[in-house]
Amino acid sequence: MSSMFTLALTVADASAELDDVLVRGNAEQSVGELARRLAGYLGRPAADASGKALAYGLRVERTGEQLRPDAPLSTVDLLEGDVVRVLVPRGGERRRQRWAADEDADPDGSGTVIPLRRRR
């Protein structure tokens, strides 16, 4: 049996902008899956020019820890209100608007990233 969660985070990438988001998902999903969804929210592509999937990473600013992509979310030190930085691999240039819907979102709403407000 898997546990669903809802977690408020502040997400950032290479830009200086910070966005508050509400993340819904399954506690057993991987850090890599969360990183991919957050990268999609930030307008980053899912694959490079050759079609190879891009592997995004996450770093928790509070601890400075870069989370292991294969670790289940239930096992990592991620707290309500944490600032997470999406680590962008080469070839991960932004191509979609931040507000664009994630075509890969689950139909039942699990595993979604919902913008709360943009920080300035």
PDB file of N, CA and C in Angstrom:
ATOM      1  N   MET A   1       0.843  -1.186   0.000  1.00  0.00           N
ATOM      2  CA  MET A   1       0.000   0.000   0.000  1.00  0.00           C
ATOM      3  C   MET A   1       0.884   1.244   0.000  1.00  0.00           C
ATOM      4  N   SER A   2       0.588   2.181  -0.859  1.00  0.00           N
ATOM      5  CA  SER A   2       1.404   3.385  -0.950  1.00  0.00           C
ATOM      6  C   SER A   2       0.672   4.571  -0.339  1.00  0.00           C
ATOM      7  N   SER A   3       1.437   5.483   0.199  1.00  0.00           N
ATOM      8  CA  SER A   3       0.885   6.673   0.843  1.00  0.00           C
ATOM      9  C   SER A   3       0.938   7.857  -0.089  1.00  0.00           C
ATOM     10  N   MET A   4      -0.165   8.567  -0.175  1.00  0.00           N
ATOM     11  CA  MET A   4      -0.209   9.798  -0.954  1.00  0.00           C
ATOM     12  C   MET A   4       0.248  10.942  -0.053  1.00  0.00           C
ATOM     13  N   PHE A   5       0.800  11.986  -0.656  1.00  0.00           N
ATOM     14  CA  PHE A   5       1.229  13.144   0.125  1.00  0.00           C
ATOM     15  C   PHE A   5       0.916  14.421  -0.627  1.00  0.00           C
ATOM     16  N   THR A   6       0.873  15.508   0.123  1.00  0.00           N
ATOM     17  CA  THR A   6       0.784  16.856  -0.417  1.00  0.00           C
ATOM     18  C   THR A   6       1.820  17.663   0.343  1.00  0.00           C
ATOM     19  N   LEU A   7       2.682  18.366  -0.375  1.00  0.00           N
ATOM     20  CA  LEU A   7       3.797  19.067   0.229  1.00  0.00           C
ATOM     21  C   LEU A   7       3.984  20.421  -0.444  1.00  0.00           C
ATOM     22  N   ALA A   8       4.051  21.489   0.354  1.00  0.00           N
ATOM     23  CA  ALA A   8       4.321  22.828  -0.177  1.00  0.00           C
ATOM     24  C   ALA A   8       5.837  23.030  -0.210  1.00  0.00           C
ATOM     25  N   LEU A   9       6.345  23.380  -1.381  1.00  0.00           N
ATOM     26  CA  LEU A   9       7.773  23.613  -1.567  1.00  0.00           C
ATOM     27  C   LEU A   9       7.983  24.926  -2.298  1.00  0.00           C
ATOM     28  N   THR A  10       9.178  25.454  -2.194  1.00  0.00           N
ATOM     29  CA  THR A  10       9.604  26.558  -3.044  1.00  0.00           C
ATOM     30  C   THR A  10      10.607  25.961  -4.012  1.00  0.00           C
ATOM     31  N   VAL A  11      10.373  26.157  -5.296  1.00  0.00           N
ATOM     32  CA  VAL A  11      11.210  25.541  -6.314  1.00  0.00           C
ATOM     33  C   VAL A  11      11.977  26.618  -7.078  1.00  0.00           C
ATOM     34  N   ALA A  12      13.223  26.296  -7.401  1.00  0.00           N
ATOM     35  CA  ALA A  12      14.091  27.219  -8.142  1.00  0.00           C
ATOM     36  C   ALA A  12      14.903  26.409  -9.139  1.00  0.00           C
ATOM     37  N   ASP A  13      15.368  27.091 -10.179  1.00  0.00           N
ATOM     38  CA  ASP A  13      16.325  26.465 -11.086  1.00  0.00           C
ATOM     39  C   ASP A  13      17.503  27.419 -11.223  1.00  0.00           C
ATOM     40  N   ALA A  14      18.146  27.446 -12.362  1.00  0.00           N
ATOM     41  CA  ALA A  14      19.334  28.285 -12.545  1.00  0.00           C
ATOM     42  C   ALA A  14      19.013  29.778 -12.461  1.00  0.00           C
ATOM     43  N   SER A  15      17.757  30.154 -12.719  1.00  0.00           N
ATOM     44  CA  SER A  15      17.386  31.565 -12.630  1.00  0.00           C
ATOM     45  C   SER A  15      17.261  31.971 -11.167  1.00  0.00           C
ATOM     46  N   ALA A  16      17.143  33.245 -10.924  1.00  0.00           N
ATOM     47  CA  ALA A  16      17.020  33.745  -9.560  1.00  0.00           C
ATOM     48  C   ALA A  16      15.575  33.695  -9.060  1.00  0.00           C
ATOM     49  N   GLU A  17      14.636  33.300  -9.921  1.00  0.00           N
ATOM     50  CA  GLU A  17      13.227  33.283  -9.546  1.00  0.00           C
ATOM     51  C   GLU A  17      12.905  32.091  -8.658  1.00  0.00           C
ATOM     52  N   LEU A  18      12.023  32.320  -7.691  1.00  0.00           N
ATOM     53  CA  LEU A  18      11.533  31.265  -6.815  1.00  0.00           C
ATOM     54  C   LEU A  18      10.025  31.174  -6.971  1.00  0.00           C
ATOM     55  N   ASP A  19       9.499  29.963  -7.026  1.00  0.00           N
ATOM     56  CA  ASP A  19       8.059  29.754  -7.125  1.00  0.00           C
ATOM     57  C   ASP A  19       7.615  28.840  -5.997  1.00  0.00           C
ATOM     58  N   ASP A  20       6.538  29.215  -5.327  1.00  0.00           N
ATOM     59  CA  ASP A  20       5.918  28.340  -4.336  1.00  0.00           C
ATOM     60  C   ASP A  20       4.976  27.407  -5.075  1.00  0.00           C
ATOM     61  N   VAL A  21       5.077  26.119  -4.802  1.00  0.00           N
ATOM     62  CA  VAL A  21       4.236  25.124  -5.462  1.00  0.00           C
ATOM     63  C   VAL A  21       3.697  24.138  -4.430  1.00  0.00           C
ATOM     64  N   LEU A  22       2.618  23.499  -4.799  1.00  0.00           N
ATOM     65  CA  LEU A  22       2.041  22.427  -4.006  1.00  0.00           C
ATOM     66  C   LEU A  22       2.251  21.150  -4.810  1.00  0.00           C
ATOM     67  N   VAL A  23       2.947  20.194  -4.225  1.00  0.00           N
ATOM     68  CA  VAL A  23       3.265  18.950  -4.904  1.00  0.00           C
ATOM     69  C   VAL A  23       2.395  17.846  -4.314  1.00  0.00           C
ATOM     70  N   ARG A  24       1.711  17.113  -5.182  1.00  0.00           N
ATOM     71  CA  ARG A  24       0.924  15.957  -4.767  1.00  0.00           C
ATOM     72  C   ARG A  24       1.536  14.732  -5.413  1.00  0.00           C
ATOM     73  N   GLY A  25       1.615  13.662  -4.675  1.00  0.00           N
ATOM     74  CA  GLY A  25       2.181  12.452  -5.257  1.00  0.00           C
ATOM     75  C   GLY A  25       2.107  11.271  -4.340  1.00  0.00           C
ATOM     76  N   ASN A  26       2.841  10.244  -4.703  1.00  0.00           N
ATOM     77  CA  ASN A  26       2.923   8.992  -3.979  1.00  0.00           C
ATOM     78  C   ASN A  26       4.255   8.989  -3.238  1.00  0.00           C
ATOM     79  N   ALA A  27       4.243   8.647  -1.968  1.00  0.00           N
ATOM     80  CA  ALA A  27       5.461   8.685  -1.149  1.00  0.00           C
ATOM     81  C   ALA A  27       6.526   7.718  -1.641  1.00  0.00           C
ATOM     82  N   GLU A  28       6.132   6.725  -2.434  1.00  0.00           N
ATOM     83  CA  GLU A  28       7.116   5.769  -2.946  1.00  0.00           C
ATOM     84  C   GLU A  28       7.660   6.155  -4.320  1.00  0.00           C
ATOM     85  N   GLN A  29       7.175   7.277  -4.902  1.00  0.00           N
ATOM     86  CA  GLN A  29       7.760   7.712  -6.168  1.00  0.00           C
ATOM     87  C   GLN A  29       9.177   8.177  -5.900  1.00  0.00           C
ATOM     88  N   SER A  30       9.989   8.144  -6.929  1.00  0.00           N
ATOM     89  CA  SER A  30      11.404   8.466  -6.760  1.00  0.00           C
ATOM     90  C   SER A  30      11.650   9.972  -6.779  1.00  0.00           C
ATOM     91  N   VAL A  31      12.781  10.336  -6.226  1.00  0.00           N
ATOM     92  CA  VAL A  31      13.234  11.724  -6.292  1.00  0.00           C
ATOM     93  C   VAL A  31      13.378  12.141  -7.748  1.00  0.00           C
ATOM     94  N   GLY A  32      13.869  11.233  -8.597  1.00  0.00           N
ATOM     95  CA  GLY A  32      14.025  11.520 -10.022  1.00  0.00           C
ATOM     96  C   GLY A  32      12.703  11.870 -10.686  1.00  0.00           C
ATOM     97  N   GLU A  33      11.623  11.177 -10.294  1.00  0.00           N
ATOM     98  CA  GLU A  33      10.298  11.466 -10.844  1.00  0.00           C
ATOM     99  C   GLU A  33       9.834  12.856 -10.402  1.00  0.00           C
ATOM    100  N   LEU A  34      10.024  13.186  -9.130  1.00  0.00           N
ATOM    101  CA  LEU A  34       9.664  14.524  -8.651  1.00  0.00           C
ATOM    102  C   LEU A  34      10.483  15.580  -9.378  1.00  0.00           C
ATOM    103  N   ALA A  35      11.774  15.335  -9.549  1.00  0.00           N
ATOM    104  CA  ALA A  35      12.641  16.287 -10.255  1.00  0.00           C
ATOM    105  C   ALA A  35      12.148  16.495 -11.684  1.00  0.00           C
ATOM    106  N   ARG A  36      11.738  15.411 -12.352  1.00  0.00           N
ATOM    107  CA  ARG A  36      11.233  15.515 -13.722  1.00  0.00           C
ATOM    108  C   ARG A  36       9.959  16.355 -13.774  1.00  0.00           C
ATOM    109  N   ARG A  37       9.055  16.153 -12.828  1.00  0.00           N
ATOM    110  CA  ARG A  37       7.805  16.919 -12.791  1.00  0.00           C
ATOM    111  C   ARG A  37       8.068  18.398 -12.488  1.00  0.00           C
ATOM    112  N   LEU A  38       8.971  18.665 -11.559  1.00  0.00           N
ATOM    113  CA  LEU A  38       9.302  20.060 -11.251  1.00  0.00           C
ATOM    114  C   LEU A  38       9.998  20.721 -12.435  1.00  0.00           C
ATOM    115  N   ALA A  39      10.871  19.991 -13.113  1.00  0.00           N
ATOM    116  CA  ALA A  39      11.531  20.533 -14.310  1.00  0.00           C
ATOM    117  C   ALA A  39      10.493  20.848 -15.381  1.00  0.00           C
ATOM    118  N   GLY A  40       9.502  19.980 -15.556  1.00  0.00           N
ATOM    119  CA  GLY A  40       8.427  20.238 -16.507  1.00  0.00           C
ATOM    120  C   GLY A  40       7.645  21.487 -16.136  1.00  0.00           C
ATOM    121  N   TYR A  41       7.382  21.665 -14.855  1.00  0.00           N
ATOM    122  CA  TYR A  41       6.690  22.867 -14.388  1.00  0.00           C
ATOM    123  C   TYR A  41       7.505  24.116 -14.725  1.00  0.00           C
ATOM    124  N   LEU A  42       8.821  24.019 -14.593  1.00  0.00           N
ATOM    125  CA  LEU A  42       9.697  25.158 -14.876  1.00  0.00           C
ATOM    126  C   LEU A  42       9.926  25.368 -16.370  1.00  0.00           C
ATOM    127  N   GLY A  43       9.337  24.512 -17.200  1.00  0.00           N
ATOM    128  CA  GLY A  43       9.456  24.685 -18.640  1.00  0.00           C
ATOM    129  C   GLY A  43      10.649  23.985 -19.244  1.00  0.00           C
ATOM    130  N   ARG A  44      11.233  23.062 -18.538  1.00  0.00           N
ATOM    131  CA  ARG A  44      12.379  22.322 -19.061  1.00  0.00           C
ATOM    132  C   ARG A  44      11.888  21.130 -19.873  1.00  0.00           C
ATOM    133  N   PRO A  45      12.609  20.752 -20.932  1.00  0.00           N
ATOM    134  CA  PRO A  45      12.183  19.617 -21.758  1.00  0.00           C
ATOM    135  C   PRO A  45      12.404  18.279 -21.048  1.00  0.00           C
ATOM    136  N   ALA A  46      11.649  17.278 -21.444  1.00  0.00           N
ATOM    137  CA  ALA A  46      11.779  15.937 -20.873  1.00  0.00           C
ATOM    138  C   ALA A  46      12.907  15.154 -21.550  1.00  0.00           C
ATOM    139  N   ALA A  47      13.262  15.550 -22.797  1.00  0.00           N
ATOM    140  CA  ALA A  47      14.285  14.828 -23.551  1.00  0.00           C
ATOM    141  C   ALA A  47      15.196  15.825 -24.268  1.00  0.00           C
ATOM    142  N   ASP A  48      16.399  15.357 -24.592  1.00  0.00           N
ATOM    143  CA  ASP A  48      17.323  16.219 -25.333  1.00  0.00           C
ATOM    144  C   ASP A  48      16.998  16.163 -26.828  1.00  0.00           C
ATOM    145  N   ALA A  49      17.795  16.817 -27.640  1.00  0.00           N
ATOM    146  CA  ALA A  49      17.538  16.916 -29.078  1.00  0.00           C
ATOM    147  C   ALA A  49      17.527  15.547 -29.769  1.00  0.00           C
ATOM    148  N   SER A  50      18.246  14.586 -29.211  1.00  0.00           N
ATOM    149  CA  SER A  50      18.287  13.252 -29.813  1.00  0.00           C
ATOM    150  C   SER A  50      17.155  12.353 -29.317  1.00  0.00           C
ATOM    151  N   GLY A  51      16.330  12.870 -28.400  1.00  0.00           N
ATOM    152  CA  GLY A  51      15.209  12.091 -27.876  1.00  0.00           C
ATOM    153  C   GLY A  51      15.519  11.329 -26.598  1.00  0.00           C
ATOM    154  N   LYS A  52      16.752  11.436 -26.110  1.00  0.00           N
ATOM    155  CA  LYS A  52      17.143  10.750 -24.877  1.00  0.00           C
ATOM    156  C   LYS A  52      16.563  11.508 -23.680  1.00  0.00           C
ATOM    157  N   ALA A  53      15.954  10.767 -22.750  1.00  0.00           N
ATOM    158  CA  ALA A  53      15.360  11.385 -21.565  1.00  0.00           C
ATOM    159  C   ALA A  53      16.432  12.096 -20.740  1.00  0.00           C
ATOM    160  N   LEU A  54      16.101  13.292 -20.264  1.00  0.00           N
ATOM    161  CA  LEU A  54      17.022  14.055 -19.424  1.00  0.00           C
ATOM    162  C   LEU A  54      16.800  13.672 -17.965  1.00  0.00           C
ATOM    163  N   ALA A  55      17.874  13.531 -17.219  1.00  0.00           N
ATOM    164  CA  ALA A  55      17.792  13.166 -15.802  1.00  0.00           C
ATOM    165  C   ALA A  55      18.080  14.406 -14.956  1.00  0.00           C
ATOM    166  N   TYR A  56      17.028  15.003 -14.413  1.00  0.00           N
ATOM    167  CA  TYR A  56      17.167  16.175 -13.564  1.00  0.00           C
ATOM    168  C   TYR A  56      17.453  15.731 -12.133  1.00  0.00           C
ATOM    169  N   GLY A  57      18.070  16.607 -11.382  1.00  0.00           N
ATOM    170  CA  GLY A  57      18.356  16.327  -9.984  1.00  0.00           C
ATOM    171  C   GLY A  57      17.701  17.363  -9.091  1.00  0.00           C
ATOM    172  N   LEU A  58      17.724  17.108  -7.786  1.00  0.00           N
ATOM    173  CA  LEU A  58      17.190  18.051  -6.798  1.00  0.00           C
ATOM    174  C   LEU A  58      18.206  18.247  -5.681  1.00  0.00           C
ATOM    175  N   ARG A  59      18.337  19.499  -5.263  1.00  0.00           N
ATOM    176  CA  ARG A  59      19.162  19.817  -4.093  1.00  0.00           C
ATOM    177  C   ARG A  59      18.286  20.565  -3.107  1.00  0.00           C
ATOM    178  N   VAL A  60      18.331  20.149  -1.841  1.00  0.00           N
ATOM    179  CA  VAL A  60      17.573  20.801  -0.775  1.00  0.00           C
ATOM    180  C   VAL A  60      18.456  21.917  -0.213  1.00  0.00           C
ATOM    181  N   GLU A  61      18.010  23.162  -0.340  1.00  0.00           N
ATOM    182  CA  GLU A  61      18.828  24.301   0.096  1.00  0.00           C
ATOM    183  C   GLU A  61      19.076  24.293   1.608  1.00  0.00           C
ATOM    184  N   ARG A  62      18.111  23.832   2.393  1.00  0.00           N
ATOM    185  CA  ARG A  62      18.242  23.811   3.853  1.00  0.00           C
ATOM    186  C   ARG A  62      19.435  22.980   4.304  1.00  0.00           C
ATOM    187  N   THR A  63      19.660  21.854   3.646  1.00  0.00           N
ATOM    188  CA  THR A  63      20.733  20.944   4.047  1.00  0.00           C
ATOM    189  C   THR A  63      21.921  20.962   3.088  1.00  0.00           C
ATOM    190  N   GLY A  64      21.695  21.465   1.859  1.00  0.00           N
ATOM    191  CA  GLY A  64      22.736  21.424   0.837  1.00  0.00           C
ATOM    192  C   GLY A  64      22.868  20.058   0.191  1.00  0.00           C
ATOM    193  N   GLU A  65      22.010  19.109   0.587  1.00  0.00           N
ATOM    194  CA  GLU A  65      22.094  17.741   0.083  1.00  0.00           C
ATOM    195  C   GLU A  65      21.507  17.623  -1.315  1.00  0.00           C
ATOM    196  N   GLN A  66      22.246  16.954  -2.204  1.00  0.00           N
ATOM    197  CA  GLN A  66      21.712  16.592  -3.510  1.00  0.00           C
ATOM    198  C   GLN A  66      21.086  15.214  -3.324  1.00  0.00           C
ATOM    199  N   LEU A  67      19.779  15.119  -3.578  1.00  0.00           N
ATOM    200  CA  LEU A  67      19.047  13.885  -3.322  1.00  0.00           C
ATOM    201  C   LEU A  67      19.334  12.839  -4.393  1.00  0.00           C
ATOM    202  N   ARG A  68      19.441  11.581  -3.979  1.00  0.00           N
ATOM    203  CA  ARG A  68      19.672  10.480  -4.917  1.00  0.00           C
ATOM    204  C   ARG A  68      18.434  10.295  -5.783  1.00  0.00           C
ATOM    205  N   PRO A  69      18.568  10.291  -7.105  1.00  0.00           N
ATOM    206  CA  PRO A  69      17.404  10.190  -7.996  1.00  0.00           C
ATOM    207  C   PRO A  69      16.587   8.920  -7.808  1.00  0.00           C
ATOM    208  N   ASP A  70      17.210   7.829  -7.398  1.00  0.00           N
ATOM    209  CA  ASP A  70      16.488   6.565  -7.259  1.00  0.00           C
ATOM    210  C   ASP A  70      15.849   6.381  -5.882  1.00  0.00           C
ATOM    211  N   ALA A  71      16.085   7.307  -4.955  1.00  0.00           N
ATOM    212  CA  ALA A  71      15.543   7.189  -3.599  1.00  0.00           C
ATOM    213  C   ALA A  71      14.044   7.494  -3.581  1.00  0.00           C
ATOM    214  N   PRO A  72      13.253   6.672  -2.881  1.00  0.00           N
ATOM    215  CA  PRO A  72      11.832   6.994  -2.722  1.00  0.00           C
ATOM    216  C   PRO A  72      11.679   8.265  -1.889  1.00  0.00           C
ATOM    217  N   LEU A  73      10.679   9.066  -2.179  1.00  0.00           N
ATOM    218  CA  LEU A  73      10.472  10.317  -1.437  1.00  0.00           C
ATOM    219  C   LEU A  73      10.253  10.075   0.054  1.00  0.00           C
ATOM    220  N   SER A  74       9.726   8.913   0.412  1.00  0.00           N
ATOM    221  CA  SER A  74       9.482   8.604   1.824  1.00  0.00           C
ATOM    222  C   SER A  74      10.773   8.449   2.625  1.00  0.00           C
ATOM    223  N   THR A  75      11.917   8.344   1.945  1.00  0.00           N
ATOM    224  CA  THR A  75      13.182   8.106   2.648  1.00  0.00           C
ATOM    225  C   THR A  75      14.112   9.314   2.681  1.00  0.00           C
ATOM    226  N   VAL A  76      13.704  10.439   2.089  1.00  0.00           N
ATOM    227  CA  VAL A  76      14.603  11.594   2.024  1.00  0.00           C
ATOM    228  C   VAL A  76      14.190  12.680   3.012  1.00  0.00           C
ATOM    229  N   ASP A  77      15.139  13.553   3.344  1.00  0.00           N
ATOM    230  CA  ASP A  77      14.917  14.650   4.285  1.00  0.00           C
ATOM    231  C   ASP A  77      14.357  15.846   3.530  1.00  0.00           C
ATOM    232  N   LEU A  78      13.045  15.809   3.273  1.00  0.00           N
ATOM    233  CA  LEU A  78      12.351  16.871   2.554  1.00  0.00           C
ATOM    234  C   LEU A  78      11.178  17.301   3.412  1.00  0.00           C
ATOM    235  N   LEU A  79      11.178  18.580   3.820  1.00  0.00           N
ATOM    236  CA  LEU A  79      10.172  19.079   4.750  1.00  0.00           C
ATOM    237  C   LEU A  79       9.275  20.138   4.106  1.00  0.00           C
ATOM    238  N   GLU A  80       8.091  20.283   4.664  1.00  0.00           N
ATOM    239  CA  GLU A  80       7.147  21.321   4.246  1.00  0.00           C
ATOM    240  C   GLU A  80       7.869  22.668   4.244  1.00  0.00           C
ATOM    241  N   GLY A  81       7.771  23.408   3.148  1.00  0.00           N
ATOM    242  CA  GLY A  81       8.377  24.733   3.052  1.00  0.00           C
ATOM    243  C   GLY A  81       9.819  24.751   2.586  1.00  0.00           C
ATOM    244  N   ASP A  82      10.415  23.587   2.346  1.00  0.00           N
ATOM    245  CA  ASP A  82      11.798  23.552   1.876  1.00  0.00           C
ATOM    246  C   ASP A  82      11.932  24.233   0.517  1.00  0.00           C
ATOM    247  N   VAL A  83      13.098  24.810   0.295  1.00  0.00           N
ATOM    248  CA  VAL A  83      13.466  25.334  -1.017  1.00  0.00           C
ATOM    249  C   VAL A  83      14.270  24.234  -1.698  1.00  0.00           C
ATOM    250  N   VAL A  84      13.811  23.810  -2.878  1.00  0.00           N
ATOM    251  CA  VAL A  84      14.536  22.803  -3.649  1.00  0.00           C
ATOM    252  C   VAL A  84      14.977  23.425  -4.960  1.00  0.00           C
ATOM    253  N   ARG A  85      16.198  23.139  -5.329  1.00  0.00           N
ATOM    254  CA  ARG A  85      16.746  23.637  -6.591  1.00  0.00           C
ATOM    255  C   ARG A  85      16.781  22.483  -7.580  1.00  0.00           C
ATOM    256  N   VAL A  86      16.185  22.708  -8.755  1.00  0.00           N
ATOM    257  CA  VAL A  86      16.218  21.711  -9.823  1.00  0.00           C
ATOM    258  C   VAL A  86      17.561  21.825 -10.517  1.00  0.00           C
ATOM    259  N   LEU A  87      18.298  20.742 -10.535  1.00  0.00           N
ATOM    260  CA  LEU A  87      19.612  20.708 -11.170  1.00  0.00           C
ATOM    261  C   LEU A  87      19.415  20.269 -12.615  1.00  0.00           C
ATOM    262  N   VAL A  88      19.811  21.131 -13.529  1.00  0.00           N
ATOM    263  CA  VAL A  88      19.520  20.944 -14.953  1.00  0.00           C
ATOM    264  C   VAL A  88      20.719  20.322 -15.660  1.00  0.00           C
ATOM    265  N   PRO A  89      20.514  19.175 -16.324  1.00  0.00           N
ATOM    266  CA  PRO A  89      21.603  18.576 -17.102  1.00  0.00           C
ATOM    267  C   PRO A  89      21.816  19.337 -18.402  1.00  0.00           C
ATOM    268  N   ARG A  90      22.911  19.088 -19.065  1.00  0.00           N
ATOM    269  CA  ARG A  90      23.139  19.696 -20.386  1.00  0.00           C
ATOM    270  C   ARG A  90      22.016  19.300 -21.323  1.00  0.00           C
ATOM    271  N   GLY A  91      21.575  20.248 -22.150  1.00  0.00           N
ATOM    272  CA  GLY A  91      20.489  19.983 -23.090  1.00  0.00           C
ATOM    273  C   GLY A  91      19.118  20.236 -22.496  1.00  0.00           C
ATOM    274  N   GLY A  92      19.066  20.742 -21.266  1.00  0.00           N
ATOM    275  CA  GLY A  92      17.789  20.952 -20.602  1.00  0.00           C
ATOM    276  C   GLY A  92      17.305  22.388 -20.664  1.00  0.00           C
ATOM    277  N   GLU A  93      17.479  23.043 -21.794  1.00  0.00           N
ATOM    278  CA  GLU A  93      17.055  24.433 -21.914  1.00  0.00           C
ATOM    279  C   GLU A  93      15.536  24.537 -21.808  1.00  0.00           C
ATOM    280  N   ARG A  94      15.070  25.636 -21.256  1.00  0.00           N
ATOM    281  CA  ARG A  94      13.622  25.847 -21.116  1.00  0.00           C
ATOM    282  C   ARG A  94      12.983  26.019 -22.481  1.00  0.00           C
ATOM    283  N   ARG A  95      11.832  25.368 -22.694  1.00  0.00           N
ATOM    284  CA  ARG A  95      11.140  25.527 -23.963  1.00  0.00           C
ATOM    285  C   ARG A  95       9.642  25.714 -23.801  1.00  0.00           C
ATOM    286  N   ARG A  96       9.072  25.480 -22.617  1.00  0.00           N
ATOM    287  CA  ARG A  96       7.640  25.681 -22.402  1.00  0.00           C
ATOM    288  C   ARG A  96       7.436  26.759 -21.354  1.00  0.00           C
ATOM    289  N   GLN A  97       6.272  27.359 -21.381  1.00  0.00           N
ATOM    290  CA  GLN A  97       5.928  28.336 -20.357  1.00  0.00           C
ATOM    291  C   GLN A  97       5.763  27.627 -19.019  1.00  0.00           C
ATOM    292  N   ARG A  98       6.033  28.322 -17.925  1.00  0.00           N
ATOM    293  CA  ARG A  98       5.906  27.730 -16.593  1.00  0.00           C
ATOM    294  C   ARG A  98       4.487  27.281 -16.293  1.00  0.00           C
ATOM    295  N   TRP A  99       3.512  27.940 -16.852  1.00  0.00           N
ATOM    296  CA  TRP A  99       2.123  27.611 -16.540  1.00  0.00           C
ATOM    297  C   TRP A  99       1.570  26.504 -17.401  1.00  0.00           C
ATOM    298  N   ALA A 100       2.355  26.013 -18.364  1.00  0.00           N
ATOM    299  CA  ALA A 100       1.864  24.976 -19.281  1.00  0.00           C
ATOM    300  C   ALA A 100       1.560  23.690 -18.522  1.00  0.00           C
ATOM    301  N   ALA A 101       0.508  23.020 -18.921  1.00  0.00           N
ATOM    302  CA  ALA A 101       0.114  21.763 -18.281  1.00  0.00           C
ATOM    303  C   ALA A 101       1.118  20.676 -18.623  1.00  0.00           C
ATOM    304  N   ASP A 102       1.324  19.780 -17.694  1.00  0.00           N
ATOM    305  CA  ASP A 102       2.195  18.634 -17.911  1.00  0.00           C
ATOM    306  C   ASP A 102       1.385  17.544 -18.600  1.00  0.00           C
ATOM    307  N   GLU A 103       1.694  17.250 -19.864  1.00  0.00           N
ATOM    308  CA  GLU A 103       0.941  16.252 -20.619  1.00  0.00           C
ATOM    309  C   GLU A 103       1.010  14.888 -19.965  1.00  0.00           C
ATOM    310  N   ASP A 104       2.040  14.653 -19.177  1.00  0.00           N
ATOM    311  CA  ASP A 104       2.226  13.343 -18.563  1.00  0.00           C
ATOM    312  C   ASP A 104       1.580  13.235 -17.191  1.00  0.00           C
ATOM    313  N   ALA A 105       0.849  14.251 -16.764  1.00  0.00           N
ATOM    314  CA  ALA A 105       0.250  14.222 -15.428  1.00  0.00           C
ATOM    315  C   ALA A 105      -0.731  13.061 -15.317  1.00  0.00           C
ATOM    316  N   ASP A 106      -0.777  12.495 -14.139  1.00  0.00           N
ATOM    317  CA  ASP A 106      -1.692  11.383 -13.899  1.00  0.00           C
ATOM    318  C   ASP A 106      -3.131  11.868 -13.949  1.00  0.00           C
ATOM    319  N   PRO A 107      -4.031  11.095 -14.549  1.00  0.00           N
ATOM    320  CA  PRO A 107      -5.434  11.519 -14.653  1.00  0.00           C
ATOM    321  C   PRO A 107      -6.121  11.666 -13.306  1.00  0.00           C
ATOM    322  N   ASP A 108      -5.657  10.923 -12.296  1.00  0.00           N
ATOM    323  CA  ASP A 108      -6.300  11.013 -10.983  1.00  0.00           C
ATOM    324  C   ASP A 108      -5.758  12.176 -10.154  1.00  0.00           C
ATOM    325  N   GLY A 109      -4.812  12.940 -10.699  1.00  0.00           N
ATOM    326  CA  GLY A 109      -4.288  14.112 -10.013  1.00  0.00           C
ATOM    327  C   GLY A 109      -3.102  13.833  -9.114  1.00  0.00           C
ATOM    328  N   SER A 110      -2.706  12.579  -8.960  1.00  0.00           N
ATOM    329  CA  SER A 110      -1.527  12.288  -8.149  1.00  0.00           C
ATOM    330  C   SER A 110      -0.291  12.613  -8.976  1.00  0.00           C
ATOM    331  N   GLY A 111       0.755  13.039  -8.324  1.00  0.00           N
ATOM    332  CA  GLY A 111       1.984  13.359  -9.030  1.00  0.00           C
ATOM    333  C   GLY A 111       1.931  14.668  -9.774  1.00  0.00           C
ATOM    334  N   THR A 112       1.135  15.634  -9.310  1.00  0.00           N
ATOM    335  CA  THR A 112       1.030  16.911  -9.986  1.00  0.00           C
ATOM    336  C   THR A 112       1.755  17.998  -9.213  1.00  0.00           C
ATOM    337  N   VAL A 113       2.117  19.060  -9.904  1.00  0.00           N
ATOM    338  CA  VAL A 113       2.727  20.235  -9.309  1.00  0.00           C
ATOM    339  C   VAL A 113       1.789  21.400  -9.589  1.00  0.00           C
ATOM    340  N   ILE A 114       1.341  22.059  -8.553  1.00  0.00           N
ATOM    341  CA  ILE A 114       0.361  23.138  -8.681  1.00  0.00           C
ATOM    342  C   ILE A 114       0.994  24.443  -8.231  1.00  0.00           C
ATOM    343  N   PRO A 115       1.065  25.471  -9.096  1.00  0.00           N
ATOM    344  CA  PRO A 115       1.658  26.739  -8.676  1.00  0.00           C
ATOM    345  C   PRO A 115       0.786  27.428  -7.627  1.00  0.00           C
ATOM    346  N   LEU A 116       1.417  27.944  -6.598  1.00  0.00           N
ATOM    347  CA  LEU A 116       0.703  28.716  -5.589  1.00  0.00           C
ATOM    348  C   LEU A 116       0.876  30.209  -5.850  1.00  0.00           C
ATOM    349  N   ARG A 117       2.120  30.647  -5.945  1.00  0.00           N
ATOM    350  CA  ARG A 117       2.385  32.049  -6.281  1.00  0.00           C
ATOM    351  C   ARG A 117       3.847  32.185  -6.672  1.00  0.00           C
ATOM    352  N   ARG A 118       4.129  33.161  -7.504  1.00  0.00           N
ATOM    353  CA  ARG A 118       5.506  33.443  -7.904  1.00  0.00           C
ATOM    354  C   ARG A 118       6.109  34.422  -6.909  1.00  0.00           C
ATOM    355  N   ARG A 119       7.301  34.133  -6.480  1.00  0.00           N
ATOM    356  CA  ARG A 119       8.008  35.069  -5.584  1.00  0.00           C
ATOM    357  C   ARG A 119       8.724  36.107  -6.407  1.00  0.00           C
ATOM    358  N   ARG A 120       8.897  37.244  -5.838  1.00  0.00           N
ATOM    359  CA  ARG A 120       9.609  38.327  -6.532  1.00  0.00           C
ATOM    360  C   ARG A 120      10.766  38.799  -5.716  1.00  0.00           C
TER     361      ARG A 120
END
